[in-house]
C-alpha atoms as a PDB file:
ATOM      1  CA  UNK A   1      -7.012  10.205  -3.853  1.00  0.00           C
ATOM      2  CA  UNK A   2      -3.297  10.259  -3.174  1.00  0.00           C
ATOM      3  CA  UNK A   3      -0.987   7.829  -4.953  1.00  0.00           C
ATOM      4  CA  UNK A   4       0.283   6.606  -1.583  1.00  0.00           C
ATOM      5  CA  UNK A   5      -3.223   6.011  -0.238  1.00  0.00           C
ATOM      6  CA  UNK A   6      -4.384   4.346  -3.456  1.00  0.00           C
ATOM      7  CA  UNK A   7      -1.340   2.091  -3.452  1.00  0.00           C
ATOM      8  CA  UNK A   8      -2.016   1.131   0.171  1.00  0.00           C
ATOM      9  CA  UNK A   9      -5.598   0.125  -0.632  1.00  0.00           C
ATOM     10  CA  UNK A  10      -4.517  -1.761  -3.745  1.00  0.00           C
ATOM     11  CA  UNK A  11      -1.791  -3.564  -1.803  1.00  0.00           C
ATOM     12  CA  UNK A  12      -4.254  -4.651   0.892  1.00  0.00           C
ATOM     13  CA  UNK A  13      -6.634  -5.921  -1.790  1.00  0.00           C
ATOM     14  CA  UNK A  14      -3.794  -7.770  -3.592  1.00  0.00           C
ATOM     15  CA  UNK A  15      -2.736  -9.469  -0.360  1.00  0.00           C
ATOM     16  CA  UNK A  16      -6.330 -10.468   0.378  1.00  0.00           C
ATOM     17  CA  UNK A  17      -6.689 -11.936  -3.124  1.00  0.00           C
ATOM     18  CA  UNK A  18      -3.430 -13.865  -2.674  1.00  0.00           C
ATOM     19  CA  UNK A  19      -4.627 -15.372   0.619  1.00  0.00           C
ATOM     20  CA  UNK A  20      -7.973 -16.333  -0.927  1.00  0.00           C
ATOM     21  CA  UNK A  21      -6.344 -17.896  -3.992  1.00  0.00           C
ATOM     22  CA  UNK A  22      -3.831 -19.845  -1.933  1.00  0.00           C
ATOM     23  CA  UNK A  23      -6.339 -21.063   0.638  1.00  0.00           C
ATOM     24  CA  UNK A  24      -7.356 -23.752  -1.844  1.00  0.00           C
ATOM     25  CA  UNK A  25      -3.807 -25.113  -1.811  1.00  0.00           C
ATOM     26  CA  UNK A  26      -3.655 -25.383   1.949  1.00  0.00           C
ATOM     27  CA  UNK A  27      -2.502 -28.703   3.293  1.00  0.00           C
ATOM     28  CA  UNK A  28      -4.746 -28.554   6.326  1.00  0.00           C
ATOM     29  CA  UNK A  29      -8.039 -27.124   7.431  1.00  0.00           C
ATOM     30  CA  UNK A  30      -6.232 -24.881   9.916  1.00  0.00           C
ATOM     31  CA  UNK A  31      -4.095 -23.254   7.181  1.00  0.00           C
ATOM     32  CA  UNK A  32      -7.138 -22.877   4.904  1.00  0.00           C
ATOM     33  CA  UNK A  33      -9.077 -21.183   7.702  1.00  0.00           C
ATOM     34  CA  UNK A  34      -6.152 -18.920   8.641  1.00  0.00           C
ATOM     35  CA  UNK A  35      -5.722 -17.733   5.051  1.00  0.00           C
ATOM     36  CA  UNK A  36      -9.414 -16.970   4.663  1.00  0.00           C
ATOM     37  CA  UNK A  37      -9.431 -15.065   7.960  1.00  0.00           C
ATOM     38  CA  UNK A  38      -6.369 -13.117   6.835  1.00  0.00           C
ATOM     39  CA  UNK A  39      -8.112 -12.276   3.553  1.00  0.00           C
ATOM     40  CA  UNK A  40     -11.211 -11.062   5.401  1.00  0.00           C
ATOM     41  CA  UNK A  41      -9.116  -8.902   7.743  1.00  0.00           C
ATOM     42  CA  UNK A  42      -7.213  -7.348   4.836  1.00  0.00           C
ATOM     43  CA  UNK A  43     -10.417  -6.671   2.917  1.00  0.00           C
ATOM     44  CA  UNK A  44     -11.911  -5.025   6.003  1.00  0.00           C
ATOM     45  CA  UNK A  45      -8.811  -2.828   6.413  1.00  0.00           C
ATOM     46  CA  UNK A  46      -8.998  -1.788   2.754  1.00  0.00           C
ATOM     47  CA  UNK A  47     -12.703  -0.920   3.118  1.00  0.00           C
ATOM     48  CA  UNK A  48     -12.085   1.184   6.233  1.00  0.00           C
ATOM     49  CA  UNK A  49      -9.192   3.002   4.585  1.00  0.00           C
ATOM     50  CA  UNK A  50     -11.249   3.637   1.438  1.00  0.00           C
ATOM     51  CA  UNK A  51     -14.138   5.016   3.549  1.00  0.00           C
ATOM     52  CA  UNK A  52     -11.790   7.333   5.449  1.00  0.00           C
ATOM     53  CA  UNK A  53     -10.299   8.672   2.247  1.00  0.00           C
ATOM     54  CA  UNK A  54     -13.653   9.143   0.552  1.00  0.00           C
ATOM     55  CA  UNK A  55     -14.660  11.523   3.356  1.00  0.00           C
ATOM     56  CA  UNK A  56     -11.497  13.588   2.989  1.00  0.00           C
ATOM     57  CA  UNK A  57     -11.690  16.743   0.888  1.00  0.00           C
ATOM     58  CA  UNK A  58      -8.725  18.973   0.169  1.00  0.00           C
ATOM     59  CA  UNK A  59      -8.773  22.341  -1.528  1.00  0.00           C
ATOM     60  CA  UNK A  60      -6.463  25.261  -1.981  1.00  0.00           C
ATOM     61  CA  UNK A  61      -7.656  28.599  -0.650  1.00  0.00           C
ATOM     62  CA  UNK A  62      -6.419  30.292  -3.843  1.00  0.00           C
ATOM     63  CA  UNK A  63      -8.062  27.949  -6.371  1.00  0.00           C
ATOM     64  CA  UNK A  64      -9.124  30.240  -9.236  1.00  0.00           C
ATOM     65  CA  UNK A  65     -10.403  27.412 -11.482  1.00  0.00           C
ATOM     66  CA  UNK A  66     -12.874  25.802  -9.052  1.00  0.00           C
ATOM     67  CA  UNK A  67     -13.471  28.206  -6.173  1.00  0.00           C
ATOM     68  CA  UNK A  68     -13.553  26.608  -2.739  1.00  0.00           C
ATOM     69  CA  UNK A  69     -17.115  27.759  -1.950  1.00  0.00           C
ATOM     70  CA  UNK A  70     -18.454  26.141  -5.121  1.00  0.00           C
ATOM     71  CA  UNK A  71     -16.648  22.864  -4.651  1.00  0.00           C
ATOM     72  CA  UNK A  72     -15.108  21.682  -1.403  1.00  0.00           C
ATOM     73  CA  UNK A  73     -17.338  23.555   1.032  1.00  0.00           C
ATOM     74  CA  UNK A  74     -20.448  22.540  -0.902  1.00  0.00           C
ATOM     75  CA  UNK A  75     -19.336  18.892  -1.010  1.00  0.00           C
ATOM     76  CA  UNK A  76     -18.576  18.797   2.712  1.00  0.00           C
ATOM     77  CA  UNK A  77     -22.162  19.840   3.421  1.00  0.00           C
ATOM     78  CA  UNK A  78     -23.428  16.850   1.423  1.00  0.00           C
ATOM     79  CA  UNK A  79     -21.061  14.126   2.684  1.00  0.00           C
ATOM     80  CA  UNK A  80     -21.722  12.913   6.238  1.00  0.00           C
ATOM     81  CA  UNK A  81     -18.689  13.237   8.537  1.00  0.00           C
ATOM     82  CA  UNK A  82     -16.609  14.814   5.764  1.00  0.00           C
ATOM     83  CA  UNK A  83     -13.233  16.300   6.578  1.00  0.00           C
ATOM     84  CA  UNK A  84     -12.159  19.470   4.761  1.00  0.00           C
ATOM     85  CA  UNK A  85      -8.499  20.392   4.723  1.00  0.00           C
ATOM     86  CA  UNK A  86      -7.809  23.831   3.279  1.00  0.00           C
ATOM     87  CA  UNK A  87      -4.272  24.536   2.110  1.00  0.00           C
ATOM     88  CA  UNK A  88      -3.511  28.255   2.481  1.00  0.00           C
ATOM     89  CA  UNK A  89      -2.530  29.994  -0.771  1.00  0.00           C
ATOM     90  CA  UNK A  90      -2.637  26.707  -2.699  1.00  0.00           C
ATOM     91  CA  UNK A  91      -3.860  26.973  -6.304  1.00  0.00           C
ATOM     92  CA  UNK A  92      -5.940  24.594  -8.400  1.00  0.00           C
ATOM     93  CA  UNK A  93      -3.978  21.361  -8.832  1.00  0.00           C
ATOM     94  CA  UNK A  94      -2.626  21.284  -5.310  1.00  0.00           C
ATOM     95  CA  UNK A  95      -1.930  17.562  -5.734  1.00  0.00           C
ATOM     96  CA  UNK A  96       0.979  18.673  -7.911  1.00  0.00           C
ATOM     97  CA  UNK A  97       1.925  22.003  -6.334  1.00  0.00           C
ATOM     98  CA  UNK A  98       1.677  20.824  -2.708  1.00  0.00           C
ATOM     99  CA  UNK A  99       2.247  17.099  -3.260  1.00  0.00           C
ATOM    100  CA  UNK A 100       4.489  16.498  -0.251  1.00  0.00           C
ATOM    101  CA  UNK A 101       2.172  18.214   2.227  1.00  0.00           C
ATOM    102  CA  UNK A 102      -0.947  16.566   0.783  1.00  0.00           C
ATOM    103  CA  UNK A 103       0.639  13.099   0.836  1.00  0.00           C
ATOM    104  CA  UNK A 104       1.885  13.624   4.400  1.00  0.00           C
ATOM    105  CA  UNK A 105      -1.625  14.616   5.496  1.00  0.00           C
ATOM    106  CA  UNK A 106      -3.178  11.610   3.734  1.00  0.00           C
ATOM    107  CA  UNK A 107      -0.621   9.249   5.266  1.00  0.00           C
ATOM    108  CA  UNK A 108      -1.497  10.646   8.696  1.00  0.00           C
ATOM    109  CA  UNK A 109      -5.191  10.147   7.934  1.00  0.00           C
ATOM    110  CA  UNK A 110      -4.511   6.542   6.890  1.00  0.00           C
ATOM    111  CA  UNK A 111      -2.683   5.855  10.144  1.00  0.00           C
ATOM    112  CA  UNK A 112      -5.469   7.270  12.307  1.00  0.00           C
END
């Protein structure tokens, strides 16, 4: 999972935890309820984002270490609604060699 995507999920979960923890210090029932609703919404957003990212598979077409047919294409057949993004001429370790493109694609996936 991309650093950007992981950080987004972690940030949503941190904000939800903050709202839950501070709901107990609310001065009124309305504030308590609003903070718990905010926490639930943030947790739901984190779960949806995590589910989207778990379906996403990325592989380089020139991966000599773990060939695409033995890994990504096989995994996509097993995961319902999986999304396979193949990066032309990308080697094994495309998260390092094609970091900018991969992160841009994951950010777009997170926004959708």
